[in-house]
Amino acid sequence: MEPQEVVDLVRRVLGDMVRDVKIWKGNDYIEVEIDASSIREAAARMKEAGFDHVKDVTAVDYMKEGRFRIIYNLSSYNNFDLSYYIVGLAYDIPRDKPETVSLADIYTSAEFQEREVYEGFGIIFKGHPDLKPLLLSPPVAEQKPLRKDFIVREEPEIKVEKKR
């Protein structure tokens, strides 16, 4: 299957939900922009079309624009033709109200990854079965360390003298 065939498939599956499509990274990554309100229906349709798992969930902080972009990277284990591609379902949410819906009940592989985005960016995934920090301690997660306005304190330089 060629990249354009995957784009055509995605356009057929998602229909009017598609706002924009871009082919990236040597033609094996396809980003599909949709509205935030369509994410659950889009995910369910993509799963039915053969994109059977979430490889990754991530966010991008567009601090100056006041938005986050959420991206669910989907692929397939079971469909050989689709397994060569990653389709990113991408949508924006406001930075001042960082909430979206969870897809953990549609894709169980999204559960831990949504928790990582929650702890790093402070984005709330409504309906998530266990939304709490995954890797960071709660006090560190409360600081939202992956946001662009997080201030990293520099550690003092330690000079080590060489023994002779």
N, C-alpha and C. Protein backbone atom coordinates (compact mmCIF):
# COMPACT_ATOMS: atom_id res chain seq x y z
N MET A 1 0.84 -1.18 0.00
CA MET A 1 0.00 0.00 0.00
C MET A 1 0.89 1.24 0.00
N GLU A 2 0.58 2.17 -0.85
CA GLU A 2 1.34 3.42 -0.97
C GLU A 2 0.79 4.47 0.00
N PRO A 3 1.61 5.46 0.36
CA PRO A 3 1.14 6.48 1.30
C PRO A 3 -0.17 7.16 0.87
N GLN A 4 -0.29 7.47 -0.41
CA GLN A 4 -1.51 8.14 -0.87
C GLN A 4 -2.74 7.24 -0.70
N GLU A 5 -2.54 5.92 -0.82
CA GLU A 5 -3.65 4.99 -0.61
C GLU A 5 -4.10 5.01 0.85
N VAL A 6 -3.15 5.16 1.76
CA VAL A 6 -3.50 5.25 3.19
C VAL A 6 -4.25 6.56 3.44
N VAL A 7 -3.78 7.64 2.84
CA VAL A 7 -4.48 8.93 2.96
C VAL A 7 -5.90 8.80 2.44
N ASP A 8 -6.06 8.17 1.28
CA ASP A 8 -7.40 7.98 0.71
C ASP A 8 -8.28 7.15 1.63
N LEU A 9 -7.71 6.10 2.23
CA LEU A 9 -8.44 5.26 3.18
C LEU A 9 -8.90 6.10 4.37
N VAL A 10 -7.98 6.87 4.94
CA VAL A 10 -8.31 7.70 6.09
C VAL A 10 -9.40 8.70 5.73
N ARG A 11 -9.30 9.31 4.58
CA ARG A 11 -10.34 10.27 4.14
C ARG A 11 -11.70 9.59 3.99
N ARG A 12 -11.72 8.36 3.47
CA ARG A 12 -12.98 7.62 3.34
C ARG A 12 -13.55 7.27 4.72
N VAL A 13 -12.68 6.82 5.61
CA VAL A 13 -13.10 6.39 6.95
C VAL A 13 -13.60 7.56 7.79
N LEU A 14 -12.89 8.68 7.74
CA LEU A 14 -13.22 9.81 8.60
C LEU A 14 -14.12 10.86 7.94
N GLY A 15 -14.18 10.87 6.63
CA GLY A 15 -15.08 11.79 5.93
C GLY A 15 -14.86 13.24 6.29
N ASP A 16 -15.94 13.91 6.67
CA ASP A 16 -15.91 15.35 6.96
C ASP A 16 -15.15 15.71 8.23
N MET A 17 -14.77 14.72 9.02
CA MET A 17 -14.00 15.00 10.24
C MET A 17 -12.59 15.50 9.90
N VAL A 18 -12.08 15.17 8.73
CA VAL A 18 -10.72 15.53 8.34
C VAL A 18 -10.65 17.01 7.98
N ARG A 19 -9.79 17.73 8.71
CA ARG A 19 -9.56 19.15 8.41
C ARG A 19 -8.35 19.33 7.51
N ASP A 20 -7.33 18.48 7.72
CA ASP A 20 -6.10 18.59 6.94
C ASP A 20 -5.34 17.27 7.06
N VAL A 21 -4.54 16.95 6.05
CA VAL A 21 -3.70 15.75 6.06
C VAL A 21 -2.32 16.13 5.56
N LYS A 22 -1.29 15.65 6.27
CA LYS A 22 0.09 15.87 5.85
C LYS A 22 0.83 14.54 5.89
N ILE A 23 1.65 14.30 4.88
CA ILE A 23 2.51 13.11 4.86
C ILE A 23 3.91 13.57 5.25
N TRP A 24 4.49 12.92 6.26
CA TRP A 24 5.79 13.31 6.81
C TRP A 24 6.76 12.14 6.82
N LYS A 25 7.97 12.43 7.23
CA LYS A 25 9.02 11.45 7.56
C LYS A 25 9.18 10.35 6.52
N GLY A 26 9.56 10.72 5.35
CA GLY A 26 9.82 9.69 4.34
C GLY A 26 8.59 8.91 3.95
N ASN A 27 7.43 9.54 4.04
CA ASN A 27 6.16 8.96 3.60
C ASN A 27 5.58 7.88 4.51
N ASP A 28 6.14 7.66 5.70
CA ASP A 28 5.55 6.62 6.55
C ASP A 28 4.79 7.18 7.75
N TYR A 29 4.72 8.51 7.88
CA TYR A 29 3.95 9.14 8.94
C TYR A 29 2.94 10.09 8.31
N ILE A 30 1.67 9.89 8.65
CA ILE A 30 0.60 10.69 8.10
C ILE A 30 -0.13 11.34 9.27
N GLU A 31 -0.14 12.68 9.28
CA GLU A 31 -0.84 13.39 10.35
C GLU A 31 -2.19 13.87 9.82
N VAL A 32 -3.24 13.54 10.56
CA VAL A 32 -4.60 13.89 10.19
C VAL A 32 -5.14 14.83 11.24
N GLU A 33 -5.42 16.05 10.83
CA GLU A 33 -5.97 17.04 11.77
C GLU A 33 -7.49 16.94 11.78
N ILE A 34 -8.03 16.87 13.01
CA ILE A 34 -9.48 16.81 13.19
C ILE A 34 -9.85 17.80 14.29
N ASP A 35 -11.14 18.00 14.52
CA ASP A 35 -11.61 18.80 15.64
C ASP A 35 -11.59 17.96 16.90
N ALA A 36 -11.35 18.60 18.03
CA ALA A 36 -11.32 17.90 19.32
C ALA A 36 -12.64 17.17 19.58
N SER A 37 -13.73 17.75 19.16
CA SER A 37 -15.05 17.14 19.41
C SER A 37 -15.25 15.83 18.65
N SER A 38 -14.41 15.55 17.67
CA SER A 38 -14.55 14.34 16.84
C SER A 38 -13.64 13.20 17.26
N ILE A 39 -12.78 13.39 18.25
CA ILE A 39 -11.72 12.41 18.51
C ILE A 39 -12.25 11.01 18.84
N ARG A 40 -13.27 10.90 19.64
CA ARG A 40 -13.76 9.56 20.00
C ARG A 40 -14.33 8.83 18.79
N GLU A 41 -15.15 9.52 18.01
CA GLU A 41 -15.71 8.88 16.82
C GLU A 41 -14.62 8.55 15.81
N ALA A 42 -13.66 9.46 15.64
CA ALA A 42 -12.56 9.21 14.71
C ALA A 42 -11.75 8.01 15.14
N ALA A 43 -11.44 7.92 16.43
CA ALA A 43 -10.66 6.78 16.94
C ALA A 43 -11.40 5.46 16.73
N ALA A 44 -12.69 5.45 17.02
CA ALA A 44 -13.48 4.22 16.85
C ALA A 44 -13.50 3.80 15.38
N ARG A 45 -13.66 4.75 14.48
CA ARG A 45 -13.66 4.43 13.05
C ARG A 45 -12.30 3.93 12.59
N MET A 46 -11.23 4.57 13.08
CA MET A 46 -9.89 4.14 12.68
C MET A 46 -9.60 2.73 13.18
N LYS A 47 -10.05 2.42 14.37
CA LYS A 47 -9.85 1.06 14.90
C LYS A 47 -10.60 0.05 14.04
N GLU A 48 -11.83 0.37 13.68
CA GLU A 48 -12.62 -0.51 12.83
C GLU A 48 -11.98 -0.69 11.45
N ALA A 49 -11.27 0.34 10.98
CA ALA A 49 -10.61 0.29 9.67
C ALA A 49 -9.30 -0.49 9.69
N GLY A 50 -8.85 -0.93 10.88
CA GLY A 50 -7.64 -1.75 10.95
C GLY A 50 -6.49 -1.15 11.72
N PHE A 51 -6.62 0.08 12.17
CA PHE A 51 -5.57 0.69 13.01
C PHE A 51 -5.85 0.24 14.44
N ASP A 52 -5.25 -0.89 14.81
CA ASP A 52 -5.67 -1.61 16.01
C ASP A 52 -4.97 -1.23 17.31
N HIS A 53 -4.01 -0.33 17.25
CA HIS A 53 -3.36 0.07 18.52
C HIS A 53 -2.80 1.49 18.45
N VAL A 54 -2.62 2.04 19.64
CA VAL A 54 -2.00 3.36 19.79
C VAL A 54 -0.53 3.13 20.08
N LYS A 55 0.34 3.63 19.22
CA LYS A 55 1.78 3.53 19.46
C LYS A 55 2.23 4.56 20.48
N ASP A 56 1.59 5.73 20.46
CA ASP A 56 2.06 6.83 21.29
C ASP A 56 0.95 7.86 21.42
N VAL A 57 0.92 8.53 22.56
CA VAL A 57 0.08 9.71 22.76
C VAL A 57 1.03 10.81 23.20
N THR A 58 0.95 11.95 22.57
CA THR A 58 1.83 13.04 22.94
C THR A 58 1.09 14.36 22.85
N ALA A 59 1.76 15.39 23.31
CA ALA A 59 1.21 16.74 23.23
C ALA A 59 2.33 17.70 22.83
N VAL A 60 1.95 18.78 22.20
CA VAL A 60 2.88 19.85 21.85
C VAL A 60 2.31 21.13 22.46
N ASP A 61 3.15 21.86 23.15
CA ASP A 61 2.74 23.08 23.82
C ASP A 61 3.02 24.28 22.92
N TYR A 62 1.97 24.87 22.39
CA TYR A 62 2.09 26.11 21.63
C TYR A 62 1.71 27.25 22.57
N MET A 63 2.60 27.52 23.50
CA MET A 63 2.34 28.47 24.57
C MET A 63 1.91 29.83 24.05
N LYS A 64 2.62 30.37 23.08
CA LYS A 64 2.31 31.71 22.57
C LYS A 64 0.96 31.76 21.87
N GLU A 65 0.52 30.63 21.35
CA GLU A 65 -0.78 30.57 20.66
C GLU A 65 -1.90 30.16 21.61
N GLY A 66 -1.55 29.80 22.85
CA GLY A 66 -2.56 29.44 23.84
C GLY A 66 -3.25 28.12 23.58
N ARG A 67 -2.50 27.15 23.04
CA ARG A 67 -3.12 25.85 22.73
C ARG A 67 -2.13 24.71 22.93
N PHE A 68 -2.70 23.54 23.11
CA PHE A 68 -1.95 22.29 23.06
C PHE A 68 -2.43 21.53 21.84
N ARG A 69 -1.54 20.81 21.20
CA ARG A 69 -1.92 19.87 20.17
C ARG A 69 -1.75 18.48 20.76
N ILE A 70 -2.81 17.70 20.76
CA ILE A 70 -2.79 16.31 21.22
C ILE A 70 -2.67 15.44 19.98
N ILE A 71 -1.80 14.43 20.04
CA ILE A 71 -1.62 13.54 18.89
C ILE A 71 -1.64 12.09 19.37
N TYR A 72 -2.56 11.32 18.82
CA TYR A 72 -2.62 9.87 19.03
C TYR A 72 -2.02 9.23 17.78
N ASN A 73 -0.89 8.53 17.93
CA ASN A 73 -0.25 7.86 16.81
C ASN A 73 -0.75 6.43 16.73
N LEU A 74 -1.44 6.12 15.66
CA LEU A 74 -2.08 4.81 15.46
C LEU A 74 -1.33 4.00 14.41
N SER A 75 -1.37 2.68 14.58
CA SER A 75 -0.81 1.79 13.56
C SER A 75 -1.54 0.46 13.65
N SER A 76 -0.99 -0.55 13.00
CA SER A 76 -1.64 -1.85 12.97
C SER A 76 -0.64 -2.97 13.17
N TYR A 77 -1.01 -3.91 14.01
CA TYR A 77 -0.25 -5.16 14.15
C TYR A 77 -0.81 -6.21 13.19
N ASN A 78 -2.11 -6.18 12.98
CA ASN A 78 -2.79 -7.26 12.29
C ASN A 78 -2.94 -7.06 10.79
N ASN A 79 -2.88 -5.85 10.30
CA ASN A 79 -3.03 -5.59 8.87
C ASN A 79 -1.64 -5.28 8.31
N PHE A 80 -1.12 -6.20 7.54
CA PHE A 80 0.24 -6.07 7.02
C PHE A 80 0.44 -4.77 6.24
N ASP A 81 -0.51 -4.41 5.39
CA ASP A 81 -0.38 -3.19 4.58
C ASP A 81 -0.34 -1.94 5.43
N LEU A 82 -1.14 -1.90 6.48
CA LEU A 82 -1.19 -0.71 7.34
C LEU A 82 -0.03 -0.66 8.33
N SER A 83 0.60 -1.78 8.59
CA SER A 83 1.65 -1.85 9.61
C SER A 83 2.89 -1.01 9.27
N TYR A 84 3.03 -0.62 8.03
CA TYR A 84 4.16 0.21 7.62
C TYR A 84 3.96 1.70 7.93
N TYR A 85 2.75 2.05 8.34
CA TYR A 85 2.40 3.46 8.50
C TYR A 85 1.99 3.78 9.93
N ILE A 86 2.22 5.02 10.30
CA ILE A 86 1.71 5.58 11.55
C ILE A 86 0.82 6.74 11.15
N VAL A 87 -0.41 6.71 11.64
CA VAL A 87 -1.34 7.80 11.38
C VAL A 87 -1.56 8.54 12.69
N GLY A 88 -1.21 9.81 12.69
CA GLY A 88 -1.40 10.65 13.86
C GLY A 88 -2.72 11.37 13.79
N LEU A 89 -3.62 11.07 14.73
CA LEU A 89 -4.85 11.84 14.86
C LEU A 89 -4.52 13.04 15.73
N ALA A 90 -4.57 14.22 15.17
CA ALA A 90 -4.12 15.43 15.86
C ALA A 90 -5.27 16.43 15.99
N TYR A 91 -5.33 17.05 17.17
CA TYR A 91 -6.34 18.08 17.41
C TYR A 91 -5.84 19.03 18.48
N ASP A 92 -6.43 20.20 18.52
CA ASP A 92 -6.01 21.23 19.45
C ASP A 92 -7.03 21.41 20.57
N ILE A 93 -6.50 21.75 21.76
CA ILE A 93 -7.34 22.13 22.89
C ILE A 93 -6.76 23.42 23.47
N PRO A 94 -7.59 24.20 24.15
CA PRO A 94 -7.08 25.45 24.72
C PRO A 94 -6.13 25.19 25.88
N ARG A 95 -5.09 25.97 25.94
CA ARG A 95 -4.08 25.83 26.99
C ARG A 95 -4.63 26.24 28.35
N ASP A 96 -5.57 27.17 28.37
CA ASP A 96 -6.12 27.63 29.65
C ASP A 96 -7.19 26.69 30.21
N LYS A 97 -7.64 25.72 29.42
CA LYS A 97 -8.56 24.69 29.89
C LYS A 97 -8.11 23.36 29.28
N PRO A 98 -7.02 22.81 29.81
CA PRO A 98 -6.40 21.62 29.19
C PRO A 98 -7.15 20.33 29.52
N GLU A 99 -8.28 20.15 28.86
CA GLU A 99 -9.09 18.95 29.06
C GLU A 99 -9.46 18.35 27.71
N THR A 100 -9.50 17.04 27.68
CA THR A 100 -9.94 16.31 26.51
C THR A 100 -10.54 15.00 27.01
N VAL A 101 -11.03 14.18 26.11
CA VAL A 101 -11.60 12.89 26.50
C VAL A 101 -10.54 11.80 26.38
N SER A 102 -10.69 10.80 27.20
CA SER A 102 -9.78 9.65 27.15
C SER A 102 -10.23 8.70 26.05
N LEU A 103 -9.25 8.04 25.44
CA LEU A 103 -9.53 6.98 24.46
C LEU A 103 -9.17 5.61 25.02
N ALA A 104 -8.90 5.54 26.32
CA ALA A 104 -8.45 4.28 26.93
C ALA A 104 -9.48 3.16 26.80
N ASP A 105 -10.76 3.51 26.72
CA ASP A 105 -11.78 2.46 26.56
C ASP A 105 -11.88 1.99 25.11
N ILE A 106 -11.39 2.77 24.17
CA ILE A 106 -11.36 2.36 22.76
C ILE A 106 -10.05 1.65 22.46
N TYR A 107 -8.96 2.24 22.90
CA TYR A 107 -7.62 1.67 22.73
C TYR A 107 -6.99 1.50 24.11
N THR A 108 -6.92 0.29 24.61
CA THR A 108 -6.32 0.08 25.93
C THR A 108 -4.85 0.49 25.93
N SER A 109 -4.21 0.47 24.77
CA SER A 109 -2.80 0.87 24.68
C SER A 109 -2.60 2.36 24.91
N ALA A 110 -3.68 3.13 25.02
CA ALA A 110 -3.56 4.57 25.28
C ALA A 110 -3.54 4.88 26.78
N GLU A 111 -3.91 3.94 27.62
CA GLU A 111 -4.09 4.23 29.04
C GLU A 111 -2.84 4.79 29.71
N PHE A 112 -1.72 4.12 29.62
CA PHE A 112 -0.51 4.60 30.28
C PHE A 112 0.04 5.86 29.60
N GLN A 113 -0.12 5.93 28.30
CA GLN A 113 0.41 7.08 27.56
C GLN A 113 -0.37 8.36 27.87
N GLU A 114 -1.67 8.25 28.08
CA GLU A 114 -2.44 9.41 28.51
C GLU A 114 -1.98 9.86 29.90
N ARG A 115 -1.64 8.90 30.74
CA ARG A 115 -1.13 9.26 32.07
C ARG A 115 0.19 10.03 31.97
N GLU A 116 1.05 9.64 31.04
CA GLU A 116 2.31 10.37 30.85
C GLU A 116 2.06 11.81 30.40
N VAL A 117 1.13 11.99 29.48
CA VAL A 117 0.80 13.34 29.01
C VAL A 117 0.18 14.15 30.15
N TYR A 118 -0.64 13.50 30.96
CA TYR A 118 -1.23 14.16 32.13
C TYR A 118 -0.14 14.65 33.09
N GLU A 119 0.81 13.78 33.40
CA GLU A 119 1.83 14.18 34.38
C GLU A 119 2.82 15.19 33.82
N GLY A 120 3.08 15.16 32.55
CA GLY A 120 4.06 16.08 31.97
C GLY A 120 3.49 17.44 31.59
N PHE A 121 2.23 17.45 31.11
CA PHE A 121 1.63 18.69 30.63
C PHE A 121 0.45 19.16 31.47
N GLY A 122 -0.07 18.29 32.34
CA GLY A 122 -1.23 18.65 33.13
C GLY A 122 -2.53 18.59 32.35
N ILE A 123 -2.55 17.87 31.25
CA ILE A 123 -3.77 17.73 30.44
C ILE A 123 -4.64 16.64 31.05
N ILE A 124 -5.89 16.99 31.30
CA ILE A 124 -6.83 16.06 31.93
C ILE A 124 -7.56 15.27 30.85
N PHE A 125 -7.54 13.96 30.98
CA PHE A 125 -8.25 13.06 30.05
C PHE A 125 -9.50 12.57 30.76
N LYS A 126 -10.63 13.23 30.47
CA LYS A 126 -11.89 12.89 31.13
C LYS A 126 -12.31 11.47 30.75
N GLY A 127 -12.72 10.71 31.76
CA GLY A 127 -13.13 9.33 31.55
C GLY A 127 -12.00 8.33 31.66
N HIS A 128 -10.80 8.79 31.94
CA HIS A 128 -9.66 7.88 32.09
C HIS A 128 -9.87 7.05 33.36
N PRO A 129 -9.59 5.74 33.32
CA PRO A 129 -9.87 4.89 34.48
C PRO A 129 -8.94 5.10 35.68
N ASP A 130 -7.77 5.69 35.50
CA ASP A 130 -6.83 5.83 36.62
C ASP A 130 -5.86 6.97 36.35
N LEU A 131 -6.39 8.17 36.25
CA LEU A 131 -5.57 9.32 35.87
C LEU A 131 -4.78 9.83 37.07
N LYS A 132 -3.55 9.38 37.14
CA LYS A 132 -2.62 9.83 38.16
C LYS A 132 -1.23 9.75 37.55
N PRO A 133 -0.26 10.44 38.15
CA PRO A 133 1.09 10.38 37.57
C PRO A 133 1.59 8.94 37.45
N LEU A 134 2.29 8.69 36.38
CA LEU A 134 2.80 7.35 36.11
C LEU A 134 4.25 7.19 36.56
N LEU A 135 5.09 8.16 36.22
CA LEU A 135 6.52 8.06 36.49
C LEU A 135 7.03 9.08 37.51
N LEU A 136 6.40 10.23 37.55
CA LEU A 136 6.86 11.31 38.43
C LEU A 136 6.11 11.27 39.76
N SER A 137 6.75 11.81 40.78
CA SER A 137 6.05 11.94 42.06
C SER A 137 4.98 13.01 41.88
N PRO A 138 3.88 12.94 42.63
CA PRO A 138 2.82 13.94 42.48
C PRO A 138 3.30 15.39 42.61
N PRO A 139 4.21 15.73 43.57
CA PRO A 139 4.66 17.13 43.64
C PRO A 139 5.39 17.59 42.37
N VAL A 140 6.15 16.70 41.75
CA VAL A 140 6.85 17.07 40.50
C VAL A 140 5.84 17.18 39.36
N ALA A 141 4.91 16.24 39.28
CA ALA A 141 3.90 16.27 38.22
C ALA A 141 3.05 17.53 38.30
N GLU A 142 2.77 18.01 39.51
CA GLU A 142 1.98 19.23 39.67
C GLU A 142 2.64 20.44 39.03
N GLN A 143 3.94 20.38 38.86
CA GLN A 143 4.68 21.49 38.24
C GLN A 143 4.59 21.47 36.71
N LYS A 144 4.04 20.41 36.15
CA LYS A 144 3.86 20.28 34.69
C LYS A 144 5.19 20.52 33.95
N PRO A 145 6.15 19.65 34.16
CA PRO A 145 7.52 19.89 33.67
C PRO A 145 7.72 19.89 32.16
N LEU A 146 6.76 19.47 31.37
CA LEU A 146 6.94 19.49 29.92
C LEU A 146 6.33 20.72 29.25
N ARG A 147 5.71 21.57 30.04
CA ARG A 147 5.18 22.81 29.48
C ARG A 147 6.33 23.78 29.20
N LYS A 148 6.15 24.61 28.21
CA LYS A 148 7.22 25.54 27.83
C LYS A 148 7.50 26.60 28.87
N ASP A 149 6.54 26.89 29.74
CA ASP A 149 6.78 27.90 30.76
C ASP A 149 7.33 27.32 32.06
N PHE A 150 7.64 26.03 32.06
CA PHE A 150 8.28 25.41 33.22
C PHE A 150 9.72 25.90 33.28
N ILE A 151 10.11 26.38 34.44
CA ILE A 151 11.47 26.90 34.60
C ILE A 151 12.36 25.82 35.19
N VAL A 152 13.39 25.49 34.46
CA VAL A 152 14.36 24.50 34.91
C VAL A 152 15.42 25.22 35.72
N ARG A 153 15.53 24.82 36.97
CA ARG A 153 16.57 25.43 37.80
C ARG A 153 17.90 24.76 37.48
N GLU A 154 18.88 25.59 37.26
CA GLU A 154 20.20 25.05 36.95
C GLU A 154 20.86 24.56 38.23
N GLU A 155 21.51 23.44 38.10
CA GLU A 155 22.24 22.89 39.23
C GLU A 155 23.64 23.48 39.23
N PRO A 156 24.21 23.64 40.41
CA PRO A 156 25.57 24.19 40.45
C PRO A 156 26.56 23.22 39.81
N GLU A 157 27.54 23.79 39.19
CA GLU A 157 28.57 22.97 38.56
C GLU A 157 29.47 22.42 39.67
N ILE A 158 29.71 21.16 39.60
CA ILE A 158 30.58 20.53 40.59
C ILE A 158 31.93 20.30 39.95
N LYS A 159 32.95 20.88 40.55
CA LYS A 159 34.29 20.72 40.03
C LYS A 159 34.97 19.58 40.79
N VAL A 160 35.47 18.69 40.05
CA VAL A 160 36.16 17.54 40.65
C VAL A 160 37.65 17.69 40.36
N GLU A 161 38.41 17.65 41.40
CA GLU A 161 39.85 17.73 41.22
C GLU A 161 40.39 16.36 40.91
N LYS A 162 41.30 16.34 39.98
CA LYS A 162 41.91 15.06 39.60
C LYS A 162 42.99 14.72 40.61
N LYS A 163 43.01 13.48 40.98
CA LYS A 163 44.08 13.01 41.86
C LYS A 163 45.28 12.65 41.03
N ARG A 164 46.45 12.97 41.56
CA ARG A 164 47.67 12.66 40.83
C ARG A 164 48.38 11.50 41.45
